[in-house]
């Protein structure tokens, strides 16, 4: 899940593992899991992936065991950014980025 967490008196968005509920600190160590029948995205550490799938073996639309697809979190975030930029191409003039403590982006 994506959750806002208070960090150094700032509210920052973080990706939280849907299995262990810990923050995924390195995108290379995370996965974005999805089932095409459900259309919902879940996030796990790579080390938590199989355990999460075992617990969450939802049925697919045809009644069989659901098939989960995984994208590396780094690739998922890049694709999401591309899709957001495409949807937001007009009217972006004047937006600014404030970089705060430890290089965190505070506002776009």
C-alpha atoms as a PDB file:
ATOM      1  CA  UNK A   1       0.000   0.000   0.000  1.00  0.00           C
ATOM      2  CA  UNK A   2       1.046   3.587  -0.320  1.00  0.00           C
ATOM      3  CA  UNK A   3       0.801   5.424   2.966  1.00  0.00           C
ATOM      4  CA  UNK A   4       1.780   8.850   4.255  1.00  0.00           C
ATOM      5  CA  UNK A   5       4.126   8.480   7.236  1.00  0.00           C
ATOM      6  CA  UNK A   6       5.488  11.188   9.480  1.00  0.00           C
ATOM      7  CA  UNK A   7       9.274  11.336   9.111  1.00  0.00           C
ATOM      8  CA  UNK A   8      11.323  14.137  10.700  1.00  0.00           C
ATOM      9  CA  UNK A   9       8.118  16.139  11.293  1.00  0.00           C
ATOM     10  CA  UNK A  10       7.225  15.859   7.594  1.00  0.00           C
ATOM     11  CA  UNK A  11       4.428  13.755   6.109  1.00  0.00           C
ATOM     12  CA  UNK A  12       5.997  11.688   3.325  1.00  0.00           C
ATOM     13  CA  UNK A  13       4.499   9.045   1.005  1.00  0.00           C
ATOM     14  CA  UNK A  14       6.051   5.603   1.352  1.00  0.00           C
ATOM     15  CA  UNK A  15       5.401   2.201  -0.173  1.00  0.00           C
ATOM     16  CA  UNK A  16       4.524  -0.271   2.590  1.00  0.00           C
ATOM     17  CA  UNK A  17       4.749  -4.035   2.131  1.00  0.00           C
ATOM     18  CA  UNK A  18       1.255  -5.566   2.139  1.00  0.00           C
ATOM     19  CA  UNK A  19       2.671  -8.698   3.792  1.00  0.00           C
ATOM     20  CA  UNK A  20       4.955  -7.543   6.620  1.00  0.00           C
ATOM     21  CA  UNK A  21       3.697  -3.922   6.896  1.00  0.00           C
ATOM     22  CA  UNK A  22       7.254  -2.595   6.804  1.00  0.00           C
ATOM     23  CA  UNK A  23       8.450   0.202   4.524  1.00  0.00           C
ATOM     24  CA  UNK A  24      10.024  -0.827   1.217  1.00  0.00           C
ATOM     25  CA  UNK A  25      13.118   1.365   1.358  1.00  0.00           C
ATOM     26  CA  UNK A  26      14.749   0.287  -1.913  1.00  0.00           C
ATOM     27  CA  UNK A  27      12.639  -0.021  -5.066  1.00  0.00           C
ATOM     28  CA  UNK A  28      14.966  -2.780  -6.286  1.00  0.00           C
ATOM     29  CA  UNK A  29      13.854  -4.896  -3.312  1.00  0.00           C
ATOM     30  CA  UNK A  30      10.123  -4.573  -3.972  1.00  0.00           C
ATOM     31  CA  UNK A  31       7.442  -5.922  -6.277  1.00  0.00           C
ATOM     32  CA  UNK A  32       4.109  -4.598  -7.480  1.00  0.00           C
ATOM     33  CA  UNK A  33       1.696  -7.551  -7.588  1.00  0.00           C
ATOM     34  CA  UNK A  34      -1.551  -7.568  -9.505  1.00  0.00           C
ATOM     35  CA  UNK A  35      -4.247  -9.942 -10.644  1.00  0.00           C
ATOM     36  CA  UNK A  36      -5.759  -8.952 -14.002  1.00  0.00           C
ATOM     37  CA  UNK A  37      -9.200 -10.119 -12.835  1.00  0.00           C
ATOM     38  CA  UNK A  38      -9.147  -7.814  -9.798  1.00  0.00           C
ATOM     39  CA  UNK A  39      -7.249  -4.783 -11.143  1.00  0.00           C
ATOM     40  CA  UNK A  40      -5.835  -3.973  -7.694  1.00  0.00           C
ATOM     41  CA  UNK A  41      -2.108  -3.477  -7.092  1.00  0.00           C
ATOM     42  CA  UNK A  42      -0.367  -4.746  -3.955  1.00  0.00           C
ATOM     43  CA  UNK A  43       3.215  -4.111  -2.927  1.00  0.00           C
ATOM     44  CA  UNK A  44       5.630  -6.534  -1.268  1.00  0.00           C
ATOM     45  CA  UNK A  45       9.290  -6.902  -0.532  1.00  0.00           C
ATOM     46  CA  UNK A  46      10.731  -9.488  -2.907  1.00  0.00           C
ATOM     47  CA  UNK A  47      11.469 -11.671   0.132  1.00  0.00           C
ATOM     48  CA  UNK A  48       7.766 -11.493   1.144  1.00  0.00           C
ATOM     49  CA  UNK A  49       6.334 -12.133  -2.323  1.00  0.00           C
ATOM     50  CA  UNK A  50       5.727 -15.901  -2.158  1.00  0.00           C
ATOM     51  CA  UNK A  51       4.357 -15.802   1.393  1.00  0.00           C
ATOM     52  CA  UNK A  52       1.921 -13.039   0.410  1.00  0.00           C
ATOM     53  CA  UNK A  53       0.773 -14.969  -2.687  1.00  0.00           C
ATOM     54  CA  UNK A  54       0.240 -18.108  -0.588  1.00  0.00           C
ATOM     55  CA  UNK A  55      -1.991 -16.253   1.887  1.00  0.00           C
ATOM     56  CA  UNK A  56      -3.853 -14.248  -0.775  1.00  0.00           C
ATOM     57  CA  UNK A  57      -4.656 -16.933  -3.317  1.00  0.00           C
ATOM     58  CA  UNK A  58      -7.945 -15.371  -4.411  1.00  0.00           C
ATOM     59  CA  UNK A  59     -10.050 -17.142  -6.988  1.00  0.00           C
ATOM     60  CA  UNK A  60     -10.054 -15.840 -10.525  1.00  0.00           C
ATOM     61  CA  UNK A  61     -13.235 -15.050 -12.443  1.00  0.00           C
ATOM     62  CA  UNK A  62     -13.468 -18.621 -13.768  1.00  0.00           C
ATOM     63  CA  UNK A  63     -13.237 -20.151 -10.270  1.00  0.00           C
ATOM     64  CA  UNK A  64      -9.666 -21.415 -10.545  1.00  0.00           C
ATOM     65  CA  UNK A  65      -6.795 -20.312  -8.342  1.00  0.00           C
ATOM     66  CA  UNK A  66      -5.847 -16.722  -9.206  1.00  0.00           C
ATOM     67  CA  UNK A  67      -2.672 -15.988 -11.072  1.00  0.00           C
ATOM     68  CA  UNK A  68      -0.632 -13.104  -9.671  1.00  0.00           C
ATOM     69  CA  UNK A  69       1.658 -11.096 -11.894  1.00  0.00           C
ATOM     70  CA  UNK A  70       4.645  -9.217 -10.493  1.00  0.00           C
ATOM     71  CA  UNK A  71       6.512  -6.202 -11.776  1.00  0.00           C
ATOM     72  CA  UNK A  72       9.668  -5.004 -10.134  1.00  0.00           C
ATOM     73  CA  UNK A  73       8.718  -1.960  -8.084  1.00  0.00           C
ATOM     74  CA  UNK A  74      11.311   0.205  -9.816  1.00  0.00           C
ATOM     75  CA  UNK A  75       9.810  -0.559 -13.261  1.00  0.00           C
ATOM     76  CA  UNK A  76       6.241  -0.128 -11.974  1.00  0.00           C
ATOM     77  CA  UNK A  77       7.000   3.320 -10.536  1.00  0.00           C
ATOM     78  CA  UNK A  78       8.699   4.408 -13.764  1.00  0.00           C
ATOM     79  CA  UNK A  79       5.711   3.294 -15.863  1.00  0.00           C
ATOM     80  CA  UNK A  80       3.303   4.980 -13.462  1.00  0.00           C
ATOM     81  CA  UNK A  81       5.277   8.218 -13.758  1.00  0.00           C
ATOM     82  CA  UNK A  82       5.154   8.025 -17.540  1.00  0.00           C
ATOM     83  CA  UNK A  83       1.391   7.464 -17.471  1.00  0.00           C
ATOM     84  CA  UNK A  84       0.862  10.374 -15.077  1.00  0.00           C
ATOM     85  CA  UNK A  85       2.978  12.700 -17.208  1.00  0.00           C
ATOM     86  CA  UNK A  86       0.987  11.758 -20.297  1.00  0.00           C
ATOM     87  CA  UNK A  87      -2.296  12.475 -18.531  1.00  0.00           C
ATOM     88  CA  UNK A  88      -0.990  15.768 -17.173  1.00  0.00           C
ATOM     89  CA  UNK A  89       0.805  17.228 -20.198  1.00  0.00           C
ATOM     90  CA  UNK A  90      -1.268  20.410 -20.397  1.00  0.00           C
ATOM     91  CA  UNK A  91      -1.411  23.023 -17.656  1.00  0.00           C
ATOM     92  CA  UNK A  92       1.801  22.084 -15.860  1.00  0.00           C
ATOM     93  CA  UNK A  93       3.469  25.464 -16.273  1.00  0.00           C
ATOM     94  CA  UNK A  94       4.480  27.126 -13.027  1.00  0.00           C
ATOM     95  CA  UNK A  95       4.699  23.952 -10.953  1.00  0.00           C
ATOM     96  CA  UNK A  96       7.636  23.918  -8.602  1.00  0.00           C
ATOM     97  CA  UNK A  97       9.471  21.280  -6.644  1.00  0.00           C
ATOM     98  CA  UNK A  98      10.487  21.895  -3.068  1.00  0.00           C
ATOM     99  CA  UNK A  99      13.243  19.614  -1.869  1.00  0.00           C
ATOM    100  CA  UNK A 100      13.412  19.217   1.883  1.00  0.00           C
ATOM    101  CA  UNK A 101      15.255  17.172   4.454  1.00  0.00           C
ATOM    102  CA  UNK A 102      17.447  14.414   2.987  1.00  0.00           C
ATOM    103  CA  UNK A 103      16.386  15.303  -0.545  1.00  0.00           C
ATOM    104  CA  UNK A 104      12.715  14.385  -0.087  1.00  0.00           C
ATOM    105  CA  UNK A 105      10.341  16.007  -2.550  1.00  0.00           C
ATOM    106  CA  UNK A 106       7.819  17.941  -0.482  1.00  0.00           C
ATOM    107  CA  UNK A 107       5.670  19.509  -3.165  1.00  0.00           C
ATOM    108  CA  UNK A 108       5.312  19.267  -6.912  1.00  0.00           C
END
